[in-house]
Amino acid sequence: MARAAVTGRGPRGSEELLERARELSLLGDALSSVEREGRGQVVLVNGEAGGGKTALLRSFCGAVASSVHVLWGACDPLFAPRPLGPLFTIGEVARGEFHDLVKRGGFAA
């Protein structure tokens, strides 16, 4: 089962990162797009275990305004996690259009 958190500052606040300016910039661009267009986005952060994915997201979420709602999903550490599990969990929390889309399986690349 996937975990999800809804927060305004991200789990545990911000952390200082080294060599992650590009990734933080890409996340910032996604947030700017959301603010401009008024529609949420799904951002996938992937990488090897221990590669700093969680630290990157904590740093980013700690830096955004407290009025921004971040829905955070992660796969449980299982040998074979449920495909798209975090999206289903986030959909249950988010409700609305995203929830309906996830339930229908209407994902497009």
PDB file of N, CA and C in Angstrom:
ATOM      1  N   MET A   1       0.837  -1.170   0.000  1.00  0.00           N
ATOM      2  CA  MET A   1       0.000   0.000   0.000  1.00  0.00           C
ATOM      3  C   MET A   1       0.888   1.243   0.000  1.00  0.00           C
ATOM      4  N   ALA A   2       0.483   2.264  -0.701  1.00  0.00           N
ATOM      5  CA  ALA A   2       1.254   3.497  -0.794  1.00  0.00           C
ATOM      6  C   ALA A   2       0.884   4.429   0.354  1.00  0.00           C
ATOM      7  N   ARG A   3       1.788   5.331   0.670  1.00  0.00           N
ATOM      8  CA  ARG A   3       1.555   6.332   1.694  1.00  0.00           C
ATOM      9  C   ARG A   3       1.330   7.665   1.014  1.00  0.00           C
ATOM     10  N   ALA A   4       0.538   8.517   1.623  1.00  0.00           N
ATOM     11  CA  ALA A   4       0.352   9.862   1.092  1.00  0.00           C
ATOM     12  C   ALA A   4       0.244  10.824   2.257  1.00  0.00           C
ATOM     13  N   ALA A   5       0.724  12.003   2.044  1.00  0.00           N
ATOM     14  CA  ALA A   5       0.595  13.058   3.044  1.00  0.00           C
ATOM     15  C   ALA A   5       0.127  14.311   2.335  1.00  0.00           C
ATOM     16  N   VAL A   6      -0.702  15.067   2.976  1.00  0.00           N
ATOM     17  CA  VAL A   6      -1.120  16.352   2.456  1.00  0.00           C
ATOM     18  C   VAL A   6      -0.571  17.383   3.422  1.00  0.00           C
ATOM     19  N   THR A   7       0.156  18.323   2.902  1.00  0.00           N
ATOM     20  CA  THR A   7       0.808  19.283   3.772  1.00  0.00           C
ATOM     21  C   THR A   7       1.036  20.589   3.050  1.00  0.00           C
ATOM     22  N   GLY A   8       1.246  21.636   3.789  1.00  0.00           N
ATOM     23  CA  GLY A   8       1.576  22.928   3.202  1.00  0.00           C
ATOM     24  C   GLY A   8       3.068  23.177   3.178  1.00  0.00           C
ATOM     25  N   ARG A   9       3.844  22.431   3.938  1.00  0.00           N
ATOM     26  CA  ARG A   9       5.274  22.666   3.973  1.00  0.00           C
ATOM     27  C   ARG A   9       6.072  21.406   3.674  1.00  0.00           C
ATOM     28  N   GLY A  10       5.418  20.336   3.370  1.00  0.00           N
ATOM     29  CA  GLY A  10       6.148  19.105   3.075  1.00  0.00           C
ATOM     30  C   GLY A  10       6.528  18.396   4.361  1.00  0.00           C
ATOM     31  N   PRO A  11       6.796  17.125   4.274  1.00  0.00           N
ATOM     32  CA  PRO A  11       7.177  16.375   5.458  1.00  0.00           C
ATOM     33  C   PRO A  11       8.489  16.871   6.055  1.00  0.00           C
ATOM     34  N   ARG A  12       8.466  17.276   7.294  1.00  0.00           N
ATOM     35  CA  ARG A  12       9.634  17.658   8.086  1.00  0.00           C
ATOM     36  C   ARG A  12      10.386  18.911   7.643  1.00  0.00           C
ATOM     37  N   GLY A  13       9.786  19.789   6.856  1.00  0.00           N
ATOM     38  CA  GLY A  13      10.448  21.049   6.535  1.00  0.00           C
ATOM     39  C   GLY A  13      11.546  20.928   5.505  1.00  0.00           C
ATOM     40  N   SER A  14      12.387  21.959   5.415  1.00  0.00           N
ATOM     41  CA  SER A  14      13.379  22.005   4.342  1.00  0.00           C
ATOM     42  C   SER A  14      14.741  21.517   4.814  1.00  0.00           C
ATOM     43  N   GLU A  15      15.525  21.081   3.846  1.00  0.00           N
ATOM     44  CA  GLU A  15      16.885  20.621   4.083  1.00  0.00           C
ATOM     45  C   GLU A  15      17.791  21.262   3.045  1.00  0.00           C
ATOM     46  N   GLU A  16      19.035  21.532   3.392  1.00  0.00           N
ATOM     47  CA  GLU A  16      19.991  22.072   2.436  1.00  0.00           C
ATOM     48  C   GLU A  16      20.528  20.930   1.582  1.00  0.00           C
ATOM     49  N   LEU A  17      20.553  21.152   0.272  1.00  0.00           N
ATOM     50  CA  LEU A  17      21.002  20.113  -0.650  1.00  0.00           C
ATOM     51  C   LEU A  17      22.205  20.580  -1.451  1.00  0.00           C
ATOM     52  N   LEU A  18      23.007  19.639  -1.865  1.00  0.00           N
ATOM     53  CA  LEU A  18      24.128  19.918  -2.760  1.00  0.00           C
ATOM     54  C   LEU A  18      23.815  19.356  -4.132  1.00  0.00           C
ATOM     55  N   GLU A  19      24.173  20.085  -5.167  1.00  0.00           N
ATOM     56  CA  GLU A  19      24.049  19.627  -6.552  1.00  0.00           C
ATOM     57  C   GLU A  19      22.632  19.213  -6.933  1.00  0.00           C
ATOM     58  N   ARG A  20      21.656  19.962  -6.486  1.00  0.00           N
ATOM     59  CA  ARG A  20      20.272  19.664  -6.854  1.00  0.00           C
ATOM     60  C   ARG A  20      19.544  20.898  -7.389  1.00  0.00           C
ATOM     61  N   ALA A  21      20.299  21.908  -7.810  1.00  0.00           N
ATOM     62  CA  ALA A  21      19.695  23.147  -8.315  1.00  0.00           C
ATOM     63  C   ALA A  21      18.806  22.877  -9.528  1.00  0.00           C
ATOM     64  N   ARG A  22      19.251  22.020 -10.429  1.00  0.00           N
ATOM     65  CA  ARG A  22      18.471  21.724 -11.631  1.00  0.00           C
ATOM     66  C   ARG A  22      17.132  21.087 -11.260  1.00  0.00           C
ATOM     67  N   GLU A  23      17.165  20.100 -10.377  1.00  0.00           N
ATOM     68  CA  GLU A  23      15.943  19.418  -9.976  1.00  0.00           C
ATOM     69  C   GLU A  23      14.993  20.354  -9.236  1.00  0.00           C
ATOM     70  N   LEU A  24      15.541  21.186  -8.351  1.00  0.00           N
ATOM     71  CA  LEU A  24      14.714  22.153  -7.634  1.00  0.00           C
ATOM     72  C   LEU A  24      14.098  23.160  -8.603  1.00  0.00           C
ATOM     73  N   SER A  25      14.846  23.539  -9.625  1.00  0.00           N
ATOM     74  CA  SER A  25      14.341  24.456 -10.635  1.00  0.00           C
ATOM     75  C   SER A  25      13.189  23.830 -11.422  1.00  0.00           C
ATOM     76  N   LEU A  26      13.325  22.560 -11.775  1.00  0.00           N
ATOM     77  CA  LEU A  26      12.252  21.870 -12.502  1.00  0.00           C
ATOM     78  C   LEU A  26      10.982  21.781 -11.659  1.00  0.00           C
ATOM     79  N   LEU A  27      11.136  21.496 -10.378  1.00  0.00           N
ATOM     80  CA  LEU A  27       9.977  21.465  -9.486  1.00  0.00           C
ATOM     81  C   LEU A  27       9.357  22.858  -9.375  1.00  0.00           C
ATOM     82  N   GLY A  28      10.201  23.877  -9.305  1.00  0.00           N
ATOM     83  CA  GLY A  28       9.716  25.255  -9.259  1.00  0.00           C
ATOM     84  C   GLY A  28       8.960  25.631 -10.523  1.00  0.00           C
ATOM     85  N   ASP A  29       9.458  25.173 -11.680  1.00  0.00           N
ATOM     86  CA  ASP A  29       8.755  25.423 -12.942  1.00  0.00           C
ATOM     87  C   ASP A  29       7.379  24.780 -12.941  1.00  0.00           C
ATOM     88  N   ALA A  30       7.288  23.555 -12.420  1.00  0.00           N
ATOM     89  CA  ALA A  30       5.993  22.873 -12.350  1.00  0.00           C
ATOM     90  C   ALA A  30       5.027  23.643 -11.454  1.00  0.00           C
ATOM     91  N   LEU A  31       5.513  24.124 -10.322  1.00  0.00           N
ATOM     92  CA  LEU A  31       4.667  24.896  -9.413  1.00  0.00           C
ATOM     93  C   LEU A  31       4.229  26.207 -10.064  1.00  0.00           C
ATOM     94  N   SER A  32       5.129  26.872 -10.769  1.00  0.00           N
ATOM     95  CA  SER A  32       4.780  28.113 -11.469  1.00  0.00           C
ATOM     96  C   SER A  32       3.690  27.866 -12.503  1.00  0.00           C
ATOM     97  N   SER A  33       3.780  26.739 -13.195  1.00  0.00           N
ATOM     98  CA  SER A  33       2.762  26.381 -14.184  1.00  0.00           C
ATOM     99  C   SER A  33       1.400  26.178 -13.515  1.00  0.00           C
ATOM    100  N   VAL A  34       1.408  25.545 -12.368  1.00  0.00           N
ATOM    101  CA  VAL A  34       0.162  25.337 -11.624  1.00  0.00           C
ATOM    102  C   VAL A  34      -0.439  26.685 -11.233  1.00  0.00           C
ATOM    103  N   GLU A  35       0.396  27.572 -10.741  1.00  0.00           N
ATOM    104  CA  GLU A  35      -0.092  28.888 -10.327  1.00  0.00           C
ATOM    105  C   GLU A  35      -0.633  29.685 -11.513  1.00  0.00           C
ATOM    106  N   ARG A  36       0.026  29.597 -12.666  1.00  0.00           N
ATOM    107  CA  ARG A  36      -0.397  30.312 -13.871  1.00  0.00           C
ATOM    108  C   ARG A  36      -1.699  29.758 -14.437  1.00  0.00           C
ATOM    109  N   GLU A  37      -1.780  28.437 -14.543  1.00  0.00           N
ATOM    110  CA  GLU A  37      -2.892  27.793 -15.231  1.00  0.00           C
ATOM    111  C   GLU A  37      -4.045  27.415 -14.317  1.00  0.00           C
ATOM    112  N   GLY A  38      -3.799  27.387 -13.010  1.00  0.00           N
ATOM    113  CA  GLY A  38      -4.862  27.050 -12.075  1.00  0.00           C
ATOM    114  C   GLY A  38      -5.236  25.576 -12.069  1.00  0.00           C
ATOM    115  N   ARG A  39      -4.356  24.732 -12.582  1.00  0.00           N
ATOM    116  CA  ARG A  39      -4.600  23.284 -12.602  1.00  0.00           C
ATOM    117  C   ARG A  39      -3.400  22.591 -11.992  1.00  0.00           C
ATOM    118  N   GLY A  40      -3.681  21.573 -11.196  1.00  0.00           N
ATOM    119  CA  GLY A  40      -2.614  20.819 -10.559  1.00  0.00           C
ATOM    120  C   GLY A  40      -1.813  20.004 -11.558  1.00  0.00           C
ATOM    121  N   GLN A  41      -0.684  19.500 -11.121  1.00  0.00           N
ATOM    122  CA  GLN A  41       0.172  18.648 -11.930  1.00  0.00           C
ATOM    123  C   GLN A  41       0.669  17.491 -11.088  1.00  0.00           C
ATOM    124  N   VAL A  42       1.006  16.419 -11.759  1.00  0.00           N
ATOM    125  CA  VAL A  42       1.657  15.292 -11.118  1.00  0.00           C
ATOM    126  C   VAL A  42       3.111  15.327 -11.563  1.00  0.00           C
ATOM    127  N   VAL A  43       4.012  15.272 -10.606  1.00  0.00           N
ATOM    128  CA  VAL A  43       5.440  15.262 -10.896  1.00  0.00           C
ATOM    129  C   VAL A  43       6.008  13.957 -10.357  1.00  0.00           C
ATOM    130  N   LEU A  44       6.664  13.216 -11.207  1.00  0.00           N
ATOM    131  CA  LEU A  44       7.282  11.955 -10.806  1.00  0.00           C
ATOM    132  C   LEU A  44       8.753  12.203 -10.525  1.00  0.00           C
ATOM    133  N   VAL A  45       9.181  11.824  -9.345  1.00  0.00           N
ATOM    134  CA  VAL A  45      10.599  11.883  -8.974  1.00  0.00           C
ATOM    135  C   VAL A  45      11.046  10.446  -8.787  1.00  0.00           C
ATOM    136  N   ASN A  46      11.968  10.012  -9.620  1.00  0.00           N
ATOM    137  CA  ASN A  46      12.419   8.626  -9.513  1.00  0.00           C
ATOM    138  C   ASN A  46      13.930   8.566  -9.394  1.00  0.00           C
ATOM    139  N   GLY A  47      14.414   7.432  -8.982  1.00  0.00           N
ATOM    140  CA  GLY A  47      15.847   7.231  -8.837  1.00  0.00           C
ATOM    141  C   GLY A  47      16.127   6.031  -7.953  1.00  0.00           C
ATOM    142  N   GLU A  48      17.391   5.745  -7.829  1.00  0.00           N
ATOM    143  CA  GLU A  48      17.831   4.606  -7.012  1.00  0.00           C
ATOM    144  C   GLU A  48      17.527   4.851  -5.543  1.00  0.00           C
ATOM    145  N   ALA A  49      17.385   3.754  -4.803  1.00  0.00           N
ATOM    146  CA  ALA A  49      17.203   3.847  -3.358  1.00  0.00           C
ATOM    147  C   ALA A  49      18.399   4.575  -2.752  1.00  0.00           C
ATOM    148  N   GLY A  50      18.129   5.520  -1.885  1.00  0.00           N
ATOM    149  CA  GLY A  50      19.197   6.273  -1.236  1.00  0.00           C
ATOM    150  C   GLY A  50      19.748   7.396  -2.078  1.00  0.00           C
ATOM    151  N   GLY A  51      19.116   7.671  -3.216  1.00  0.00           N
ATOM    152  CA  GLY A  51      19.612   8.695  -4.135  1.00  0.00           C
ATOM    153  C   GLY A  51      19.221  10.116  -3.791  1.00  0.00           C
ATOM    154  N   GLY A  52      18.423  10.312  -2.759  1.00  0.00           N
ATOM    155  CA  GLY A  52      18.082  11.663  -2.326  1.00  0.00           C
ATOM    156  C   GLY A  52      16.732  12.173  -2.788  1.00  0.00           C
ATOM    157  N   LYS A  53      15.845  11.295  -3.225  1.00  0.00           N
ATOM    158  CA  LYS A  53      14.525  11.733  -3.689  1.00  0.00           C
ATOM    159  C   LYS A  53      13.740  12.411  -2.566  1.00  0.00           C
ATOM    160  N   THR A  54      13.699  11.781  -1.424  1.00  0.00           N
ATOM    161  CA  THR A  54      12.949  12.336  -0.301  1.00  0.00           C
ATOM    162  C   THR A  54      13.559  13.652   0.167  1.00  0.00           C
ATOM    163  N   ALA A  55      14.875  13.712   0.245  1.00  0.00           N
ATOM    164  CA  ALA A  55      15.534  14.961   0.658  1.00  0.00           C
ATOM    165  C   ALA A  55      15.233  16.089  -0.325  1.00  0.00           C
ATOM    166  N   LEU A  56      15.211  15.780  -1.619  1.00  0.00           N
ATOM    167  CA  LEU A  56      14.893  16.774  -2.637  1.00  0.00           C
ATOM    168  C   LEU A  56      13.487  17.321  -2.420  1.00  0.00           C
ATOM    169  N   LEU A  57      12.530  16.434  -2.235  1.00  0.00           N
ATOM    170  CA  LEU A  57      11.151  16.877  -2.062  1.00  0.00           C
ATOM    171  C   LEU A  57      10.939  17.615  -0.743  1.00  0.00           C
ATOM    172  N   ARG A  58      11.591  17.172   0.298  1.00  0.00           N
ATOM    173  CA  ARG A  58      11.482  17.894   1.577  1.00  0.00           C
ATOM    174  C   ARG A  58      12.037  19.307   1.442  1.00  0.00           C
ATOM    175  N   SER A  59      13.153  19.438   0.770  1.00  0.00           N
ATOM    176  CA  SER A  59      13.753  20.755   0.575  1.00  0.00           C
ATOM    177  C   SER A  59      12.823  21.660  -0.224  1.00  0.00           C
ATOM    178  N   PHE A  60      12.297  21.135  -1.317  1.00  0.00           N
ATOM    179  CA  PHE A  60      11.402  21.929  -2.157  1.00  0.00           C
ATOM    180  C   PHE A  60      10.143  22.323  -1.396  1.00  0.00           C
ATOM    181  N   CYS A  61       9.503  21.359  -0.759  1.00  0.00           N
ATOM    182  CA  CYS A  61       8.258  21.638  -0.043  1.00  0.00           C
ATOM    183  C   CYS A  61       8.475  22.601   1.112  1.00  0.00           C
ATOM    184  N   GLY A  62       9.631  22.526   1.732  1.00  0.00           N
ATOM    185  CA  GLY A  62       9.939  23.448   2.823  1.00  0.00           C
ATOM    186  C   GLY A  62      10.129  24.872   2.353  1.00  0.00           C
ATOM    187  N   ALA A  63      10.418  25.049   1.060  1.00  0.00           N
ATOM    188  CA  ALA A  63      10.677  26.379   0.519  1.00  0.00           C
ATOM    189  C   ALA A  63       9.446  27.039  -0.089  1.00  0.00           C
ATOM    190  N   VAL A  64       8.382  26.284  -0.342  1.00  0.00           N
ATOM    191  CA  VAL A  64       7.197  26.875  -0.979  1.00  0.00           C
ATOM    192  C   VAL A  64       6.305  27.522   0.060  1.00  0.00           C
ATOM    193  N   ALA A  65       5.471  28.407  -0.415  1.00  0.00           N
ATOM    194  CA  ALA A  65       4.566  29.132   0.483  1.00  0.00           C
ATOM    195  C   ALA A  65       3.673  28.168   1.247  1.00  0.00           C
ATOM    196  N   SER A  66       3.327  28.533   2.456  1.00  0.00           N
ATOM    197  CA  SER A  66       2.514  27.650   3.298  1.00  0.00           C
ATOM    198  C   SER A  66       1.100  27.468   2.761  1.00  0.00           C
ATOM    199  N   SER A  67       0.686  28.298   1.816  1.00  0.00           N
ATOM    200  CA  SER A  67      -0.653  28.155   1.255  1.00  0.00           C
ATOM    201  C   SER A  67      -0.719  27.104   0.147  1.00  0.00           C
ATOM    202  N   VAL A  68       0.425  26.579  -0.258  1.00  0.00           N
ATOM    203  CA  VAL A  68       0.459  25.565  -1.311  1.00  0.00           C
ATOM    204  C   VAL A  68       0.212  24.206  -0.684  1.00  0.00           C
ATOM    205  N   HIS A  69      -0.712  23.448  -1.255  1.00  0.00           N
ATOM    206  CA  HIS A  69      -0.992  22.101  -0.765  1.00  0.00           C
ATOM    207  C   HIS A  69      -0.231  21.101  -1.613  1.00  0.00           C
ATOM    208  N   VAL A  70       0.582  20.316  -0.963  1.00  0.00           N
ATOM    209  CA  VAL A  70       1.373  19.303  -1.641  1.00  0.00           C
ATOM    210  C   VAL A  70       0.798  17.947  -1.276  1.00  0.00           C
ATOM    211  N   LEU A  71       0.520  17.143  -2.276  1.00  0.00           N
ATOM    212  CA  LEU A  71       0.077  15.769  -2.048  1.00  0.00           C
ATOM    213  C   LEU A  71       1.266  14.892  -2.353  1.00  0.00           C
ATOM    214  N   TRP A  72       1.668  14.110  -1.401  1.00  0.00           N
ATOM    215  CA  TRP A  72       2.922  13.377  -1.446  1.00  0.00           C
ATOM    216  C   TRP A  72       2.618  11.896  -1.392  1.00  0.00           C
ATOM    217  N   GLY A  73       3.047  11.155  -2.370  1.00  0.00           N
ATOM    218  CA  GLY A  73       2.831   9.717  -2.369  1.00  0.00           C
ATOM    219  C   GLY A  73       4.141   8.989  -2.560  1.00  0.00           C
ATOM    220  N   ALA A  74       4.235   7.812  -2.014  1.00  0.00           N
ATOM    221  CA  ALA A  74       5.445   7.000  -2.142  1.00  0.00           C
ATOM    222  C   ALA A  74       5.071   5.538  -2.085  1.00  0.00           C
ATOM    223  N   CYS A  75       5.847   4.741  -2.766  1.00  0.00           N
ATOM    224  CA  CYS A  75       5.628   3.299  -2.716  1.00  0.00           C
ATOM    225  C   CYS A  75       6.109   2.757  -1.382  1.00  0.00           C
ATOM    226  N   ASP A  76       5.385   1.812  -0.852  1.00  0.00           N
ATOM    227  CA  ASP A  76       5.860   1.120   0.335  1.00  0.00           C
ATOM    228  C   ASP A  76       7.037   0.236  -0.062  1.00  0.00           C
ATOM    229  N   PRO A  77       7.929  -0.006   0.856  1.00  0.00           N
ATOM    230  CA  PRO A  77       9.120  -0.802   0.532  1.00  0.00           C
ATOM    231  C   PRO A  77       8.798  -2.293   0.426  1.00  0.00           C
ATOM    232  N   LEU A  78       8.079  -2.646  -0.594  1.00  0.00           N
ATOM    233  CA  LEU A  78       7.700  -4.032  -0.825  1.00  0.00           C
ATOM    234  C   LEU A  78       8.495  -4.593  -1.988  1.00  0.00           C
ATOM    235  N   PHE A  79       8.632  -5.881  -2.037  1.00  0.00           N
ATOM    236  CA  PHE A  79       9.335  -6.519  -3.152  1.00  0.00           C
ATOM    237  C   PHE A  79       8.631  -6.209  -4.468  1.00  0.00           C
ATOM    238  N   ALA A  80       7.304  -6.239  -4.458  1.00  0.00           N
ATOM    239  CA  ALA A  80       6.525  -5.934  -5.652  1.00  0.00           C
ATOM    240  C   ALA A  80       5.419  -4.951  -5.290  1.00  0.00           C
ATOM    241  N   PRO A  81       5.737  -3.642  -5.233  1.00  0.00           N
ATOM    242  CA  PRO A  81       4.709  -2.664  -4.870  1.00  0.00           C
ATOM    243  C   PRO A  81       3.604  -2.613  -5.921  1.00  0.00           C
ATOM    244  N   ARG A  82       2.448  -2.182  -5.503  1.00  0.00           N
ATOM    245  CA  ARG A  82       1.288  -2.061  -6.391  1.00  0.00           C
ATOM    246  C   ARG A  82       1.592  -1.032  -7.483  1.00  0.00           C
ATOM    247  N   PRO A  83       1.417  -1.386  -8.762  1.00  0.00           N
ATOM    248  CA  PRO A  83       1.661  -0.422  -9.834  1.00  0.00           C
ATOM    249  C   PRO A  83       0.800   0.823  -9.660  1.00  0.00           C
ATOM    250  N   LEU A  84       1.422   1.968  -9.778  1.00  0.00           N
ATOM    251  CA  LEU A  84       0.755   3.266  -9.640  1.00  0.00           C
ATOM    252  C   LEU A  84       0.124   3.463  -8.275  1.00  0.00           C
ATOM    253  N   GLY A  85       0.555   2.697  -7.286  1.00  0.00           N
ATOM    254  CA  GLY A  85      -0.002   2.788  -5.943  1.00  0.00           C
ATOM    255  C   GLY A  85      -0.053   4.189  -5.372  1.00  0.00           C
ATOM    256  N   PRO A  86       1.038   4.959  -5.471  1.00  0.00           N
ATOM    257  CA  PRO A  86       0.981   6.315  -4.915  1.00  0.00           C
ATOM    258  C   PRO A  86      -0.095   7.182  -5.565  1.00  0.00           C
ATOM    259  N   LEU A  87      -0.337   6.999  -6.869  1.00  0.00           N
ATOM    260  CA  LEU A  87      -1.371   7.798  -7.524  1.00  0.00           C
ATOM    261  C   LEU A  87      -2.759   7.440  -7.011  1.00  0.00           C
ATOM    262  N   PHE A  88      -2.993   6.161  -6.759  1.00  0.00           N
ATOM    263  CA  PHE A  88      -4.284   5.760  -6.214  1.00  0.00           C
ATOM    264  C   PHE A  88      -4.484   6.332  -4.815  1.00  0.00           C
ATOM    265  N   THR A  89      -3.446   6.310  -4.000  1.00  0.00           N
ATOM    266  CA  THR A  89      -3.546   6.852  -2.644  1.00  0.00           C
ATOM    267  C   THR A  89      -3.766   8.359  -2.678  1.00  0.00           C
ATOM    268  N   ILE A  90      -3.028   9.057  -3.521  1.00  0.00           N
ATOM    269  CA  ILE A  90      -3.202  10.511  -3.642  1.00  0.00           C
ATOM    270  C   ILE A  90      -4.607  10.823  -4.157  1.00  0.00           C
ATOM    271  N   GLY A  91      -5.093  10.029  -5.104  1.00  0.00           N
ATOM    272  CA  GLY A  91      -6.444  10.232  -5.619  1.00  0.00           C
ATOM    273  C   GLY A  91      -7.495  10.135  -4.529  1.00  0.00           C
ATOM    274  N   GLU A  92      -7.310   9.197  -3.604  1.00  0.00           N
ATOM    275  CA  GLU A  92      -8.246   9.049  -2.496  1.00  0.00           C
ATOM    276  C   GLU A  92      -8.235  10.278  -1.598  1.00  0.00           C
ATOM    277  N   VAL A  93      -7.068  10.889  -1.443  1.00  0.00           N
ATOM    278  CA  VAL A  93      -6.954  12.084  -0.606  1.00  0.00           C
ATOM    279  C   VAL A  93      -7.447  13.323  -1.347  1.00  0.00           C
ATOM    280  N   ALA A  94      -7.083  13.442  -2.624  1.00  0.00           N
ATOM    281  CA  ALA A  94      -7.385  14.639  -3.406  1.00  0.00           C
ATOM    282  C   ALA A  94      -8.863  14.758  -3.762  1.00  0.00           C
ATOM    283  N   ARG A  95      -9.478  13.603  -4.019  1.00  0.00           N
ATOM    284  CA  ARG A  95     -10.876  13.569  -4.470  1.00  0.00           C
ATOM    285  C   ARG A  95     -11.004  14.332  -5.795  1.00  0.00           C
ATOM    286  N   GLY A  96     -12.165  14.791  -6.127  1.00  0.00           N
ATOM    287  CA  GLY A  96     -12.398  15.604  -7.306  1.00  0.00           C
ATOM    288  C   GLY A  96     -11.984  14.949  -8.616  1.00  0.00           C
ATOM    289  N   GLU A  97     -11.584  15.779  -9.563  1.00  0.00           N
ATOM    290  CA  GLU A  97     -11.257  15.338 -10.914  1.00  0.00           C
ATOM    291  C   GLU A  97     -10.109  14.330 -10.933  1.00  0.00           C
ATOM    292  N   PHE A  98      -9.073  14.564 -10.123  1.00  0.00           N
ATOM    293  CA  PHE A  98      -7.947  13.639 -10.106  1.00  0.00           C
ATOM    294  C   PHE A  98      -8.384  12.257  -9.623  1.00  0.00           C
ATOM    295  N   HIS A  99      -9.174  12.224  -8.582  1.00  0.00           N
ATOM    296  CA  HIS A  99      -9.686  10.953  -8.048  1.00  0.00           C
ATOM    297  C   HIS A  99     -10.467  10.202  -9.127  1.00  0.00           C
ATOM    298  N   ASP A 100     -11.344  10.920  -9.825  1.00  0.00           N
ATOM    299  CA  ASP A 100     -12.135  10.294 -10.883  1.00  0.00           C
ATOM    300  C   ASP A 100     -11.246   9.757 -11.997  1.00  0.00           C
ATOM    301  N   LEU A 101     -10.250  10.514 -12.377  1.00  0.00           N
ATOM    302  CA  LEU A 101      -9.320  10.103 -13.427  1.00  0.00           C
ATOM    303  C   LEU A 101      -8.576   8.835 -13.027  1.00  0.00           C
ATOM    304  N   VAL A 102      -8.089   8.779 -11.794  1.00  0.00           N
ATOM    305  CA  VAL A 102      -7.366   7.615 -11.311  1.00  0.00           C
ATOM    306  C   VAL A 102      -8.290   6.388 -11.292  1.00  0.00           C
ATOM    307  N   LYS A 103      -9.490   6.561 -10.801  1.00  0.00           N
ATOM    308  CA  LYS A 103     -10.435   5.436 -10.739  1.00  0.00           C
ATOM    309  C   LYS A 103     -10.762   4.885 -12.118  1.00  0.00           C
ATOM    310  N   ARG A 104     -10.857   5.768 -13.100  1.00  0.00           N
ATOM    311  CA  ARG A 104     -11.150   5.343 -14.465  1.00  0.00           C
ATOM    312  C   ARG A 104      -9.931   4.744 -15.168  1.00  0.00           C
ATOM    313  N   GLY A 105      -8.736   5.005 -14.623  1.00  0.00           N
ATOM    314  CA  GLY A 105      -7.524   4.537 -15.293  1.00  0.00           C
ATOM    315  C   GLY A 105      -7.205   5.383 -16.512  1.00  0.00           C
ATOM    316  N   GLY A 106      -7.632   6.633 -16.495  1.00  0.00           N
ATOM    317  CA  GLY A 106      -7.474   7.518 -17.650  1.00  0.00           C
ATOM    318  C   GLY A 106      -6.159   8.271 -17.667  1.00  0.00           C
ATOM    319  N   PHE A 107      -5.056   7.550 -17.576  1.00  0.00           N
ATOM    320  CA  PHE A 107      -3.739   8.184 -17.609  1.00  0.00           C
ATOM    321  C   PHE A 107      -3.270   8.302 -19.049  1.00  0.00           C
ATOM    322  N   ALA A 108      -2.698   9.434 -19.372  1.00  0.00           N
ATOM    323  CA  ALA A 108      -2.098   9.623 -20.699  1.00  0.00           C
ATOM    324  C   ALA A 108      -0.712  10.187 -20.516  1.00  0.00           C
ATOM    325  N   ALA A 109       0.205   9.755 -21.356  1.00  0.00           N
ATOM    326  CA  ALA A 109       1.587  10.226 -21.269  1.00  0.00           C
ATOM    327  C   ALA A 109       1.712  11.615 -21.820  1.00  0.00           C
TER     328      ALA A 109
END
